[in-house]
């Protein structure tokens, strides 16, 4: 087997990467919203999966055109 193993990140590392509180990541795990594995009873995360999760959560940007000025003034 020649595949290189993916780095497993801790809950704290993922929280720092996402710039959220640890409890937010725990809640995402409980909701099965974020990919994770359990190793020795602890949550671990494959960083490539977390990056894909972030990409999947992106919303399209909406451009708002400025209102035309009232020409009667």
Protein backbone atom coordinates (compact mmCIF):
# COMPACT_ATOMS: atom_id res chain seq x y z
CA UNK A 1 0.00 0.00 0.00
CA UNK A 2 1.73 3.16 -1.19
CA UNK A 3 -0.88 5.79 -0.28
CA UNK A 4 0.29 8.45 2.13
CA UNK A 5 -1.98 8.83 5.14
CA UNK A 6 -4.01 12.00 5.52
CA UNK A 7 -3.34 14.10 8.58
CA UNK A 8 -5.99 13.76 11.24
CA UNK A 9 -6.83 17.00 13.01
CA UNK A 10 -8.22 17.42 16.50
CA UNK A 11 -11.49 19.15 17.29
CA UNK A 12 -9.55 22.16 18.55
CA UNK A 13 -7.49 22.38 15.34
CA UNK A 14 -10.65 22.28 13.22
CA UNK A 15 -12.27 24.96 15.39
CA UNK A 16 -9.21 27.18 14.91
CA UNK A 17 -9.18 26.49 11.15
CA UNK A 18 -12.89 27.42 10.89
CA UNK A 19 -12.44 30.32 13.32
CA UNK A 20 -15.25 29.09 15.56
CA UNK A 21 -15.58 27.91 19.16
CA UNK A 22 -14.89 24.25 19.99
CA UNK A 23 -18.56 23.82 20.92
CA UNK A 24 -19.62 24.86 17.43
CA UNK A 25 -17.61 21.99 15.95
CA UNK A 26 -19.09 19.60 18.55
CA UNK A 27 -22.58 20.73 17.54
CA UNK A 28 -21.77 20.18 13.85
CA UNK A 29 -20.59 16.65 14.73
CA UNK A 30 -23.77 15.92 16.72
CA UNK A 31 -25.85 17.12 13.75
CA UNK A 32 -23.74 14.98 11.38
CA UNK A 33 -23.11 18.16 9.39
CA UNK A 34 -19.34 17.87 9.27
CA UNK A 35 -17.24 14.82 8.28
CA UNK A 36 -15.41 13.15 11.17
CA UNK A 37 -14.08 9.85 12.45
CA UNK A 38 -13.85 8.50 15.97
CA UNK A 39 -10.44 7.23 17.05
CA UNK A 40 -10.10 5.90 20.57
CA UNK A 41 -13.34 7.62 21.56
CA UNK A 42 -12.13 11.02 20.30
CA UNK A 43 -13.32 13.00 17.30
CA UNK A 44 -10.75 13.35 14.54
CA UNK A 45 -11.06 15.11 11.20
CA UNK A 46 -9.37 14.62 7.83
CA UNK A 47 -8.36 18.14 6.82
CA UNK A 48 -9.03 17.51 3.12
CA UNK A 49 -12.62 16.58 4.08
CA UNK A 50 -12.92 19.75 6.18
CA UNK A 51 -11.70 21.88 3.26
CA UNK A 52 -14.29 20.22 1.00
CA UNK A 53 -16.95 20.83 3.66
CA UNK A 54 -16.08 24.54 3.72
CA UNK A 55 -16.26 24.71 -0.08
CA UNK A 56 -19.66 22.97 -0.06
CA UNK A 57 -20.98 25.56 2.39
CA UNK A 58 -20.11 28.55 0.21
CA UNK A 59 -23.10 30.58 -0.92
CA UNK A 60 -23.15 32.41 -4.25
CA UNK A 61 -22.41 36.10 -3.93
CA UNK A 62 -25.26 38.39 -4.88
CA UNK A 63 -24.44 41.74 -6.41
CA UNK A 64 -26.75 44.61 -5.53
CA UNK A 65 -26.89 47.44 -7.98
CA UNK A 66 -27.00 50.92 -6.45
CA UNK A 67 -30.29 52.73 -6.81
CA UNK A 68 -30.45 55.21 -9.67
CA UNK A 69 -30.39 58.78 -8.41
CA UNK A 70 -33.57 60.77 -8.77
CA UNK A 71 -33.02 62.96 -11.85
CA UNK A 72 -35.87 65.34 -10.91
CA UNK A 73 -34.00 66.90 -8.03
